[in-house]
Protein backbone atom coordinates (compact mmCIF):
# COMPACT_ATOMS: atom_id res chain seq x y z
CA UNK A 1 0.86 -16.84 -43.95
CA UNK A 2 4.25 -16.48 -45.83
CA UNK A 3 6.69 -13.67 -45.06
CA UNK A 4 10.05 -12.31 -47.04
CA UNK A 5 12.45 -9.51 -45.81
CA UNK A 6 14.68 -6.89 -47.45
CA UNK A 7 17.31 -4.75 -45.99
CA UNK A 8 16.90 -1.22 -47.61
CA UNK A 9 18.71 2.01 -47.02
CA UNK A 10 21.84 3.64 -44.98
CA UNK A 11 19.54 2.83 -42.11
CA UNK A 12 19.13 -0.69 -43.07
CA UNK A 13 15.56 -0.95 -42.75
CA UNK A 14 13.77 -4.28 -42.70
CA UNK A 15 10.66 -4.01 -45.69
CA UNK A 16 8.87 -6.85 -45.00
CA UNK A 17 6.40 -8.15 -47.80
CA UNK A 18 3.74 -10.95 -46.45
CA UNK A 19 1.36 -12.94 -48.48
CA UNK A 20 -1.28 -15.37 -48.41
CA UNK A 21 -0.03 -18.02 -50.34
CA UNK A 22 -3.70 -19.18 -51.95
CA UNK A 23 -4.76 -15.58 -53.42
CA UNK A 24 -1.17 -14.27 -53.54
CA UNK A 25 -2.90 -11.29 -52.13
CA UNK A 26 0.43 -9.65 -50.38
CA UNK A 27 0.99 -6.38 -47.72
CA UNK A 28 3.99 -3.87 -47.90
CA UNK A 29 5.48 -2.93 -44.59
CA UNK A 30 7.86 -0.54 -43.84
CA UNK A 31 9.26 0.04 -47.08
CA UNK A 32 12.75 1.69 -47.49
CA UNK A 33 13.14 1.72 -50.42
CA UNK A 34 16.03 4.77 -51.06
CA UNK A 35 17.13 4.75 -54.58
CA UNK A 36 15.92 3.00 -58.18
CA UNK A 37 18.12 0.40 -57.80
CA UNK A 38 16.29 -0.93 -54.43
CA UNK A 39 13.03 0.13 -56.19
CA UNK A 40 14.02 -2.35 -59.03
CA UNK A 41 15.06 -5.39 -56.50
CA UNK A 42 11.43 -4.83 -54.67
CA UNK A 43 9.36 -4.41 -58.09
CA UNK A 44 11.30 -7.81 -59.50
CA UNK A 45 10.72 -9.36 -56.11
CA UNK A 46 6.69 -8.82 -56.42
CA UNK A 47 6.79 -10.12 -59.71
CA UNK A 48 8.37 -13.16 -59.33
CA UNK A 49 6.37 -14.29 -56.71
CA UNK A 50 3.16 -13.11 -58.77
CA UNK A 51 1.88 -11.19 -56.08
CA UNK A 52 -0.78 -8.97 -56.01
CA UNK A 53 -0.22 -5.93 -53.42
CA UNK A 54 -3.15 -5.03 -51.50
CA UNK A 55 -2.22 -2.99 -48.49
CA UNK A 56 0.72 -0.53 -47.68
CA UNK A 57 1.19 -0.61 -43.91
CA UNK A 58 3.76 1.28 -41.31
CA UNK A 59 4.56 0.14 -38.45
CA UNK A 60 5.46 4.21 -37.54
CA UNK A 61 6.11 7.17 -39.62
CA UNK A 62 9.48 7.90 -39.00
CA UNK A 63 11.38 8.82 -42.46
CA UNK A 64 13.94 5.71 -42.55
CA UNK A 65 10.43 3.10 -43.41
CA UNK A 66 8.52 5.43 -45.35
CA UNK A 67 11.90 6.36 -48.19
CA UNK A 68 9.81 3.68 -50.43
CA UNK A 69 5.85 4.64 -49.61
CA UNK A 70 5.40 6.74 -52.89
CA UNK A 71 6.90 4.10 -54.86
CA UNK A 72 4.48 1.40 -53.41
CA UNK A 73 1.27 3.60 -53.63
CA UNK A 74 1.95 4.50 -57.40
CA UNK A 75 3.14 1.47 -58.51
CA UNK A 76 0.43 -0.40 -57.11
CA UNK A 77 -2.39 1.90 -56.76
CA UNK A 78 -2.87 1.22 -53.00
CA UNK A 79 -2.71 4.04 -49.98
CA UNK A 80 -1.16 4.13 -46.47
CA UNK A 81 -2.13 2.15 -43.11
CA UNK A 82 -1.00 3.53 -39.95
CA UNK A 83 -2.11 4.88 -36.65
CA UNK A 84 -3.11 8.36 -36.82
CA UNK A 85 -0.64 9.29 -33.39
CA UNK A 86 1.61 9.29 -35.97
CA UNK A 87 0.27 11.52 -38.29
CA UNK A 88 2.34 14.41 -37.55
CA UNK A 89 5.46 12.36 -38.70
CA UNK A 90 4.60 12.02 -42.10
CA UNK A 91 3.76 15.63 -42.43
CA UNK A 92 6.90 16.64 -41.19
CA UNK A 93 9.32 14.32 -43.32
CA UNK A 94 10.94 17.15 -44.63
CA UNK A 95 12.28 18.00 -40.70
CA UNK A 96 13.21 14.43 -40.24
CA UNK A 97 15.43 14.52 -43.56
CA UNK A 98 17.14 17.51 -42.28
CA UNK A 99 17.84 16.05 -38.96
CA UNK A 100 19.56 12.77 -40.01
CA UNK A 101 21.24 15.24 -42.80
CA UNK A 102 19.90 13.35 -45.61
CA UNK A 103 19.69 14.49 -49.42
CA UNK A 104 18.17 13.18 -52.45
CA UNK A 105 15.42 11.20 -50.37
CA UNK A 106 11.27 11.60 -50.53
CA UNK A 107 10.38 14.36 -48.15
CA UNK A 108 7.31 15.30 -49.14
CA UNK A 109 4.47 14.97 -46.81
CA UNK A 110 2.20 11.62 -46.63
CA UNK A 111 -1.36 11.08 -45.22
CA UNK A 112 -2.84 7.89 -43.51
CA UNK A 113 -5.40 6.59 -45.99
CA UNK A 114 -6.32 3.86 -43.13
CA UNK A 115 -6.68 4.52 -39.55
CA UNK A 116 -5.52 1.09 -37.26
CA UNK A 117 -5.85 0.65 -33.71
CA UNK A 118 -5.45 -1.48 -31.38
CA UNK A 119 -7.46 -4.88 -32.05
CA UNK A 120 -7.86 -4.33 -35.92
CA UNK A 121 -7.23 -7.21 -38.01
CA UNK A 122 -5.62 -6.68 -41.89
CA UNK A 123 -7.22 -9.42 -43.97
CA UNK A 124 -5.07 -10.66 -46.87
CA UNK A 125 -7.89 -13.01 -48.18
CA UNK A 126 -9.00 -15.09 -45.29
CA UNK A 127 -5.97 -14.91 -43.17
CA UNK A 128 -4.96 -11.92 -41.18
CA UNK A 129 -2.69 -9.66 -38.87
CA UNK A 130 -4.22 -8.39 -35.79
CA UNK A 131 -2.68 -4.77 -35.23
CA UNK A 132 -1.20 -4.19 -31.63
CA UNK A 133 -0.08 -0.95 -30.29
CA UNK A 134 3.37 -0.19 -28.45
CA UNK A 135 3.70 3.44 -28.29
CA UNK A 136 7.03 4.90 -26.75
CA UNK A 137 9.52 5.31 -30.07
CA UNK A 138 6.62 6.90 -31.52
CA UNK A 139 3.08 8.24 -30.27
CA UNK A 140 1.66 5.60 -33.19
CA UNK A 141 4.14 2.61 -33.14
CA UNK A 142 1.98 -0.76 -33.96
CA UNK A 143 2.79 -4.20 -34.41
CA UNK A 144 1.28 -6.80 -36.08
CA UNK A 145 0.68 -10.24 -35.27
CA UNK A 146 -0.06 -13.19 -37.07
CA UNK A 147 -1.44 -16.14 -34.34
CA UNK A 148 -2.14 -18.56 -37.12
CA UNK A 149 1.51 -18.26 -38.27
CA UNK A 150 2.97 -17.06 -35.17
CA UNK A 151 5.14 -14.37 -35.81
CA UNK A 152 4.79 -10.49 -35.02
CA UNK A 153 6.11 -7.52 -37.28
CA UNK A 154 6.97 -5.44 -33.90
CA UNK A 155 8.82 -1.85 -36.26
CA UNK A 156 11.43 -0.31 -33.74
CA UNK A 157 9.41 -1.40 -30.61
CA UNK A 158 11.14 -4.56 -30.14
CA UNK A 159 14.79 -6.21 -31.78
CA UNK A 160 16.99 -8.89 -30.28
CA UNK A 161 18.04 -7.76 -27.35
CA UNK A 162 17.14 -4.24 -27.48
CA UNK A 163 14.09 -1.83 -27.54
CA UNK A 164 13.56 1.18 -29.98
CA UNK A 165 14.90 4.43 -29.09
CA UNK A 166 13.04 7.24 -27.33
CA UNK A 167 14.92 10.23 -28.15
CA UNK A 168 13.25 11.07 -31.02
CA UNK A 169 10.43 13.70 -31.22
CA UNK A 170 7.48 11.73 -29.55
CA UNK A 171 9.19 9.15 -28.01
CA UNK A 172 8.94 8.05 -24.08
CA UNK A 173 10.75 4.96 -22.57
CA UNK A 174 8.46 4.61 -19.81
CA UNK A 175 6.02 4.29 -22.60
CA UNK A 176 8.00 1.96 -24.60
CA UNK A 177 8.90 -0.41 -21.83
CA UNK A 178 5.37 -0.58 -20.67
CA UNK A 179 4.06 -1.41 -23.86
CA UNK A 180 6.61 -3.84 -25.00
CA UNK A 181 6.31 -5.79 -21.70
CA UNK A 182 2.19 -5.74 -21.81
CA UNK A 183 1.33 -6.05 -25.37
CA UNK A 184 4.08 -8.23 -27.04
CA UNK A 185 5.91 -10.37 -24.20
CA UNK A 186 2.39 -11.51 -23.58
CA UNK A 187 2.31 -13.03 -26.64
CA UNK A 188 3.04 -17.21 -26.96
CA UNK A 189 6.99 -17.87 -26.60
CA UNK A 190 7.35 -19.21 -29.50
CA UNK A 191 5.84 -16.50 -31.41
CA UNK A 192 8.93 -14.99 -33.92
CA UNK A 193 9.67 -11.65 -33.41
CA UNK A 194 10.75 -9.89 -36.84
CA UNK A 195 11.90 -6.03 -35.96
CA UNK A 196 12.45 -2.90 -37.86
CA UNK A 197 15.97 -3.26 -38.16
CA UNK A 198 18.52 -6.45 -37.56
CA UNK A 199 18.09 -10.10 -36.91
CA UNK A 200 14.75 -11.75 -35.66
CA UNK A 201 14.04 -13.48 -32.59
CA UNK A 202 11.84 -15.04 -30.33
CA UNK A 203 9.31 -13.91 -27.55
CA UNK A 204 10.64 -16.34 -25.15
CA UNK A 205 14.36 -15.20 -26.13
CA UNK A 206 13.33 -11.74 -25.57
CA UNK A 207 11.59 -12.47 -22.14
CA UNK A 208 14.53 -14.20 -20.96
CA UNK A 209 17.79 -12.11 -22.03
CA UNK A 210 16.32 -8.62 -23.46
CA UNK A 211 18.47 -6.56 -21.16
CA UNK A 212 15.79 -3.27 -21.22
CA UNK A 213 13.23 -5.26 -20.31
C-alpha cells in the first residue's frame, strides 16, 4: 500500500491517505481540513491520484482530527469508522471547540457508522490495516498497522520523542504508557511510525530514545 500525508488546520494535524496501488481504493485517516482551501487541496490530490475513497477512519475523535469529516462523508459518500469508546467525543464537538476557543469550524455531533476493535482488519482491495487499541490519550484511541508494508499510523498515542497528552477528558497517563509499551513497541523495530502530529519515526528509535517510555 502507498501512503501520503498532508498537514492541515491550526493544530498541524497529519491527515493520511492510504491506498491500494492496484485497485486505487483508498482510506482517509483523520481528515483535518478546516477551511475551503484545505478541502480543495485535499480533493485535488484525490483526483490527481485517481483514487476511490472507500473508508473514512478516525484514530480518535478529538475535534482537531475530525474537522474535515463532514467534507469527506458528503463528498465521497462514506461513513465513519472508529472505536465506540470515543463516541462521546464525537457527540461533544461543540464543547471541544469551546474548550479550545475555536470559531468558524464544524461543531455538529458526528456518529460512528462502523465500530472497530483490536484485531479488526480494514481492507483496501486485498490489502489491509489491522486495528490496534492504544487508549489513554482518549478512551477509544486506535492505531492502524500494516505489517506487509511495515508502517503504523498512531494518531496521538505515539509521536517522535513523545506521547499524547492525557489532561483532556477521558485521558489517562498510566493507561497510555501501558498501551503504547505493550501494543506498539512490540511491533517490529523497522516499523515506520506515522503520528497524528509532527514527523515520522520508527519503533526502533522510540524504544531507544523516547523519554516517556
